[in-house]
Amino acid sequence: MNTFHLNETLGDYGECYIYLSMLDIYRDVRKVPKEMETQLKWADIVRKGSDYIGINNKRIEVKTEENDPNGNFFIERWSNKSIGREGWLYSSPADELYYIFWNENYGFRFPNWQNSAWMIRYNSSGYTLIKQGKTQQNNDTWGYLVPQDSLGEVFSPIKFILDDERKTHVKNIVDNGSYKKQGAM
């Protein structure tokens, strides 16, 4: 298995975890199809609002890393720098961001991602811009290393712990292919 496919599976684990967690709480939660133009409009998951015209819908982006060796978030500046395609810091329409460290059993929820993204862009000269080196891929991906401890007061991310039983359930759903088959918007 190449590292890009492994990373895609890891991303599905995180997305499925958040999706199932939201189904426990909210009435109407939908997966968004993986096509790029749809993701750029809606993000990964949509939590429907109480109205039916979409005003209170919440668009949710989920990012998943295997582990957190240095206490940093990798915030994607360039999805493919060589052709000028901006990363999700600039392109994601998400209202909320969930950033999960899968093997370390915790994650962060950014309840107002657009404000957080603006602040990261505004302060970007203070962060290190590096080429993504964890997985082999065709894209020339670059991102900012943003220390977790630098975000506390400004962004108020909410730390949460992953439940081992739910993680096992999620791995079974993703690994047998049924998560990709579940109904999307």
C-alpha atoms as a PDB file:
ATOM      1  CA  MET A   1       0.000   0.000   0.000  1.00  0.00           C
ATOM      2  CA  ASN A   2       1.492   3.366  -0.950  1.00  0.00           C
ATOM      3  CA  THR A   3       1.672   6.130   1.619  1.00  0.00           C
ATOM      4  CA  PHE A   4      -0.863   8.346  -0.151  1.00  0.00           C
ATOM      5  CA  HIS A   5      -3.518   5.588   0.050  1.00  0.00           C
ATOM      6  CA  LEU A   6      -2.627   5.035   3.716  1.00  0.00           C
ATOM      7  CA  ASN A   7      -3.075   8.770   4.363  1.00  0.00           C
ATOM      8  CA  GLU A   8      -6.441   8.744   2.553  1.00  0.00           C
ATOM      9  CA  THR A   9      -7.609   5.854   4.771  1.00  0.00           C
ATOM     10  CA  LEU A  10      -6.444   7.729   7.866  1.00  0.00           C
ATOM     11  CA  GLY A  11      -8.456  10.737   6.670  1.00  0.00           C
ATOM     12  CA  ASP A  12     -11.517   8.523   6.266  1.00  0.00           C
ATOM     13  CA  TYR A  13     -11.061   7.255   9.846  1.00  0.00           C
ATOM     14  CA  GLY A  14     -11.121  10.800  11.209  1.00  0.00           C
ATOM     15  CA  GLU A  15     -14.027  11.891   9.034  1.00  0.00           C
ATOM     16  CA  CYS A  16     -16.090   8.795   9.902  1.00  0.00           C
ATOM     17  CA  TYR A  17     -15.348   9.287  13.618  1.00  0.00           C
ATOM     18  CA  ILE A  18     -16.666  12.862  13.569  1.00  0.00           C
ATOM     19  CA  TYR A  19     -19.617  11.903  11.336  1.00  0.00           C
ATOM     20  CA  LEU A  20     -20.751   9.141  13.733  1.00  0.00           C
ATOM     21  CA  SER A  21     -20.211  11.389  16.757  1.00  0.00           C
ATOM     22  CA  MET A  22     -22.418  14.066  15.216  1.00  0.00           C
ATOM     23  CA  LEU A  23     -25.130  11.542  14.388  1.00  0.00           C
ATOM     24  CA  ASP A  24     -25.336  10.835  18.134  1.00  0.00           C
ATOM     25  CA  ILE A  25     -26.208  14.491  18.791  1.00  0.00           C
ATOM     26  CA  TYR A  26     -27.781  16.132  15.743  1.00  0.00           C
ATOM     27  CA  ARG A  27     -30.903  15.366  13.757  1.00  0.00           C
ATOM     28  CA  ASP A  28     -29.537  15.738  10.240  1.00  0.00           C
ATOM     29  CA  VAL A  29     -25.873  15.150   9.346  1.00  0.00           C
ATOM     30  CA  ARG A  30     -24.696  14.447   5.790  1.00  0.00           C
ATOM     31  CA  LYS A  31     -21.463  13.291   4.212  1.00  0.00           C
ATOM     32  CA  VAL A  32     -20.241  15.356   1.291  1.00  0.00           C
ATOM     33  CA  PRO A  33     -19.153  13.532  -1.893  1.00  0.00           C
ATOM     34  CA  LYS A  34     -15.380  13.486  -2.428  1.00  0.00           C
ATOM     35  CA  GLU A  35     -15.407  15.298  -5.795  1.00  0.00           C
ATOM     36  CA  MET A  36     -13.190  18.378  -5.526  1.00  0.00           C
ATOM     37  CA  GLU A  37     -15.761  20.949  -6.701  1.00  0.00           C
ATOM     38  CA  THR A  38     -18.308  19.648  -4.171  1.00  0.00           C
ATOM     39  CA  GLN A  39     -15.761  19.598  -1.329  1.00  0.00           C
ATOM     40  CA  LEU A  40     -14.684  23.161  -2.146  1.00  0.00           C
ATOM     41  CA  LYS A  41     -18.295  24.286  -1.738  1.00  0.00           C
ATOM     42  CA  TRP A  42     -19.357  22.193   1.260  1.00  0.00           C
ATOM     43  CA  ALA A  43     -16.253  20.739   3.066  1.00  0.00           C
ATOM     44  CA  ASP A  44     -16.423  17.117   4.389  1.00  0.00           C
ATOM     45  CA  ILE A  45     -19.640  16.989   6.428  1.00  0.00           C
ATOM     46  CA  VAL A  46     -22.728  19.192   6.619  1.00  0.00           C
ATOM     47  CA  ARG A  47     -24.732  19.446   9.811  1.00  0.00           C
ATOM     48  CA  LYS A  48     -28.161  20.708   8.798  1.00  0.00           C
ATOM     49  CA  GLY A  49     -29.604  23.641  10.680  1.00  0.00           C
ATOM     50  CA  SER A  50     -33.059  23.879  12.167  1.00  0.00           C
ATOM     51  CA  ASP A  51     -34.288  25.752   9.119  1.00  0.00           C
ATOM     52  CA  TYR A  52     -34.778  24.100   5.749  1.00  0.00           C
ATOM     53  CA  ILE A  53     -33.316  26.808   3.545  1.00  0.00           C
ATOM     54  CA  GLY A  54     -29.752  26.227   4.680  1.00  0.00           C
ATOM     55  CA  ILE A  55     -29.065  29.380   6.674  1.00  0.00           C
ATOM     56  CA  ASN A  56     -28.032  27.530   9.825  1.00  0.00           C
ATOM     57  CA  ASN A  57     -26.139  24.701   8.112  1.00  0.00           C
ATOM     58  CA  LYS A  58     -22.635  24.072   9.455  1.00  0.00           C
ATOM     59  CA  ARG A  59     -19.920  22.984   7.037  1.00  0.00           C
ATOM     60  CA  ILE A  60     -17.350  20.802   8.772  1.00  0.00           C
ATOM     61  CA  GLU A  61     -13.801  20.051   7.671  1.00  0.00           C
ATOM     62  CA  VAL A  62     -11.934  17.101   9.216  1.00  0.00           C
ATOM     63  CA  LYS A  63      -8.138  16.740   9.129  1.00  0.00           C
ATOM     64  CA  THR A  64      -6.435  13.660  10.523  1.00  0.00           C
ATOM     65  CA  GLU A  65      -2.762  13.042  11.302  1.00  0.00           C
ATOM     66  CA  GLU A  66      -1.274   9.778  12.526  1.00  0.00           C
ATOM     67  CA  ASN A  67       0.527  11.390  15.430  1.00  0.00           C
ATOM     68  CA  ASP A  68       1.790  14.660  16.834  1.00  0.00           C
ATOM     69  CA  PRO A  69       5.570  14.361  17.352  1.00  0.00           C
ATOM     70  CA  ASN A  70       6.306  18.078  17.732  1.00  0.00           C
ATOM     71  CA  GLY A  71       3.118  19.683  19.039  1.00  0.00           C
ATOM     72  CA  ASN A  72       2.238  21.305  15.697  1.00  0.00           C
ATOM     73  CA  PHE A  73      -0.701  21.478  13.352  1.00  0.00           C
ATOM     74  CA  PHE A  74       0.178  21.229   9.636  1.00  0.00           C
ATOM     75  CA  ILE A  75      -2.040  23.924   8.108  1.00  0.00           C
ATOM     76  CA  GLU A  76      -1.997  23.486   4.334  1.00  0.00           C
ATOM     77  CA  ARG A  77      -1.009  26.694   2.527  1.00  0.00           C
ATOM     78  CA  TRP A  78      -0.530  25.150  -0.931  1.00  0.00           C
ATOM     79  CA  SER A  79      -2.306  22.027  -2.135  1.00  0.00           C
ATOM     80  CA  ASN A  80      -0.072  22.079  -5.213  1.00  0.00           C
ATOM     81  CA  LYS A  81       2.372  24.995  -5.113  1.00  0.00           C
ATOM     82  CA  SER A  82       3.892  24.256  -8.531  1.00  0.00           C
ATOM     83  CA  ILE A  83       0.564  25.059 -10.255  1.00  0.00           C
ATOM     84  CA  GLY A  84      -0.611  27.691  -7.753  1.00  0.00           C
ATOM     85  CA  ARG A  85      -3.479  25.679  -6.188  1.00  0.00           C
ATOM     86  CA  GLU A  86      -4.152  27.035  -2.714  1.00  0.00           C
ATOM     87  CA  GLY A  87      -4.478  24.685   0.242  1.00  0.00           C
ATOM     88  CA  TRP A  88      -7.402  24.278   2.582  1.00  0.00           C
ATOM     89  CA  LEU A  89      -6.286  27.227   4.742  1.00  0.00           C
ATOM     90  CA  TYR A  90      -7.445  29.426   1.858  1.00  0.00           C
ATOM     91  CA  SER A  91      -9.929  27.238   0.006  1.00  0.00           C
ATOM     92  CA  SER A  92     -12.012  25.511   2.679  1.00  0.00           C
ATOM     93  CA  PRO A  93     -15.482  26.988   3.232  1.00  0.00           C
ATOM     94  CA  ALA A  94     -15.770  25.191   6.589  1.00  0.00           C
ATOM     95  CA  ASP A  95     -17.465  26.788   9.555  1.00  0.00           C
ATOM     96  CA  GLU A  96     -15.856  24.286  11.950  1.00  0.00           C
ATOM     97  CA  LEU A  97     -12.593  22.345  11.765  1.00  0.00           C
ATOM     98  CA  TYR A  98     -11.802  19.087  13.560  1.00  0.00           C
ATOM     99  CA  TYR A  99      -8.087  18.248  13.654  1.00  0.00           C
ATOM    100  CA  ILE A 100      -7.438  14.717  14.911  1.00  0.00           C
ATOM    101  CA  PHE A 101      -4.233  12.974  16.005  1.00  0.00           C
ATOM    102  CA  TRP A 102      -5.475   9.409  15.476  1.00  0.00           C
ATOM    103  CA  ASN A 103      -2.741   7.322  17.143  1.00  0.00           C
ATOM    104  CA  GLU A 104      -2.566   9.648  20.120  1.00  0.00           C
ATOM    105  CA  ASN A 105      -6.332   9.481  20.798  1.00  0.00           C
ATOM    106  CA  TYR A 106      -7.122  13.172  20.835  1.00  0.00           C
ATOM    107  CA  GLY A 107      -8.145  16.013  18.611  1.00  0.00           C
ATOM    108  CA  PHE A 108      -9.171  19.651  18.553  1.00  0.00           C
ATOM    109  CA  ARG A 109     -12.380  21.342  17.484  1.00  0.00           C
ATOM    110  CA  PHE A 110     -12.176  24.862  16.091  1.00  0.00           C
ATOM    111  CA  PRO A 111     -15.783  26.061  16.449  1.00  0.00           C
ATOM    112  CA  ASN A 112     -15.269  29.174  14.321  1.00  0.00           C
ATOM    113  CA  TRP A 113     -12.800  28.048  11.680  1.00  0.00           C
ATOM    114  CA  GLN A 114     -13.152  31.065   9.366  1.00  0.00           C
ATOM    115  CA  ASN A 115     -11.964  33.423  12.135  1.00  0.00           C
ATOM    116  CA  SER A 116      -9.151  31.031  13.064  1.00  0.00           C
ATOM    117  CA  ALA A 117      -8.068  30.702   9.408  1.00  0.00           C
ATOM    118  CA  TRP A 118      -8.036  34.482   9.028  1.00  0.00           C
ATOM    119  CA  MET A 119      -5.828  34.831  12.115  1.00  0.00           C
ATOM    120  CA  ILE A 120      -3.394  32.158  10.866  1.00  0.00           C
ATOM    121  CA  ARG A 121      -3.174  33.885   7.462  1.00  0.00           C
ATOM    122  CA  TYR A 122      -2.684  37.262   9.169  1.00  0.00           C
ATOM    123  CA  ASN A 123       0.105  35.886  11.392  1.00  0.00           C
ATOM    124  CA  SER A 124       1.626  33.555   8.768  1.00  0.00           C
ATOM    125  CA  SER A 125       5.016  35.292   8.804  1.00  0.00           C
ATOM    126  CA  GLY A 126       5.448  33.946  12.339  1.00  0.00           C
ATOM    127  CA  TYR A 127       5.037  30.296  11.278  1.00  0.00           C
ATOM    128  CA  THR A 128       7.453  28.011   9.437  1.00  0.00           C
ATOM    129  CA  LEU A 129       6.367  27.122   5.885  1.00  0.00           C
ATOM    130  CA  ILE A 130       7.501  23.580   4.967  1.00  0.00           C
ATOM    131  CA  LYS A 131       6.991  21.059   2.176  1.00  0.00           C
ATOM    132  CA  GLN A 132       4.795  18.116   3.186  1.00  0.00           C
ATOM    133  CA  GLY A 133       7.090  15.140   3.626  1.00  0.00           C
ATOM    134  CA  LYS A 134       5.038  12.469   5.410  1.00  0.00           C
ATOM    135  CA  THR A 135       3.491  10.828   2.357  1.00  0.00           C
ATOM    136  CA  GLN A 136       4.535  10.259  -1.234  1.00  0.00           C
ATOM    137  CA  GLN A 137       2.249  12.119  -3.587  1.00  0.00           C
ATOM    138  CA  ASN A 138       2.245  13.902  -6.927  1.00  0.00           C
ATOM    139  CA  ASN A 139       1.229  17.302  -5.499  1.00  0.00           C
ATOM    140  CA  ASP A 140       3.773  19.863  -4.336  1.00  0.00           C
ATOM    141  CA  THR A 141       2.056  20.404  -0.951  1.00  0.00           C
ATOM    142  CA  TRP A 142       3.278  23.051   1.513  1.00  0.00           C
ATOM    143  CA  GLY A 143       1.925  24.135   4.860  1.00  0.00           C
ATOM    144  CA  TYR A 144       2.543  26.154   7.989  1.00  0.00           C
ATOM    145  CA  LEU A 145       3.693  24.449  11.165  1.00  0.00           C
ATOM    146  CA  VAL A 146       1.467  26.081  13.756  1.00  0.00           C
ATOM    147  CA  PRO A 147       2.337  25.193  17.373  1.00  0.00           C
ATOM    148  CA  GLN A 148      -0.661  23.955  19.327  1.00  0.00           C
ATOM    149  CA  ASP A 149       0.305  26.016  22.342  1.00  0.00           C
ATOM    150  CA  SER A 150       0.244  29.231  20.284  1.00  0.00           C
ATOM    151  CA  LEU A 151      -3.469  28.860  19.545  1.00  0.00           C
ATOM    152  CA  GLY A 152      -5.020  28.655  22.976  1.00  0.00           C
ATOM    153  CA  GLU A 153      -6.073  32.189  23.807  1.00  0.00           C
ATOM    154  CA  VAL A 154      -6.644  33.438  20.275  1.00  0.00           C
ATOM    155  CA  PHE A 155      -8.540  30.525  18.730  1.00  0.00           C
ATOM    156  CA  SER A 156      -9.979  28.693  21.736  1.00  0.00           C
ATOM    157  CA  PRO A 157      -9.710  25.219  20.194  1.00  0.00           C
ATOM    158  CA  ILE A 158     -11.555  22.632  22.221  1.00  0.00           C
ATOM    159  CA  LYS A 159      -9.486  19.516  22.944  1.00  0.00           C
ATOM    160  CA  PHE A 160     -11.326  16.183  22.984  1.00  0.00           C
ATOM    161  CA  ILE A 161     -10.344  12.567  23.632  1.00  0.00           C
ATOM    162  CA  LEU A 162     -11.111   9.783  21.160  1.00  0.00           C
ATOM    163  CA  ASP A 163     -13.091   6.810  22.446  1.00  0.00           C
ATOM    164  CA  ASP A 164     -11.314   3.466  21.805  1.00  0.00           C
ATOM    165  CA  GLU A 165     -14.552   1.549  21.230  1.00  0.00           C
ATOM    166  CA  ARG A 166     -15.741   4.070  18.645  1.00  0.00           C
ATOM    167  CA  LYS A 167     -12.287   4.033  16.967  1.00  0.00           C
ATOM    168  CA  THR A 168     -12.529   0.227  16.565  1.00  0.00           C
ATOM    169  CA  HIS A 169     -16.037   0.572  15.123  1.00  0.00           C
ATOM    170  CA  VAL A 170     -14.852   3.309  12.717  1.00  0.00           C
ATOM    171  CA  LYS A 171     -11.893   1.208  11.514  1.00  0.00           C
ATOM    172  CA  ASN A 172     -14.259  -1.684  10.742  1.00  0.00           C
ATOM    173  CA  ILE A 173     -16.645   0.583   8.800  1.00  0.00           C
ATOM    174  CA  VAL A 174     -13.870   2.248   6.782  1.00  0.00           C
ATOM    175  CA  ASP A 175     -11.774  -0.870   6.205  1.00  0.00           C
ATOM    176  CA  ASN A 176     -14.696  -2.904   4.828  1.00  0.00           C
ATOM    177  CA  GLY A 177     -15.642  -0.078   2.456  1.00  0.00           C
ATOM    178  CA  SER A 178     -19.096   0.660   3.850  1.00  0.00           C
ATOM    179  CA  TYR A 179     -18.253   4.273   4.882  1.00  0.00           C
ATOM    180  CA  LYS A 180     -17.607   5.243   1.261  1.00  0.00           C
ATOM    181  CA  LYS A 181     -20.933   3.632   0.311  1.00  0.00           C
ATOM    182  CA  GLN A 182     -22.996   5.480   2.934  1.00  0.00           C
ATOM    183  CA  GLY A 183     -25.357   8.074   1.542  1.00  0.00           C
ATOM    184  CA  ALA A 184     -23.980  11.497   0.796  1.00  0.00           C
ATOM    185  CA  MET A 185     -25.825  14.798   0.395  1.00  0.00           C
END
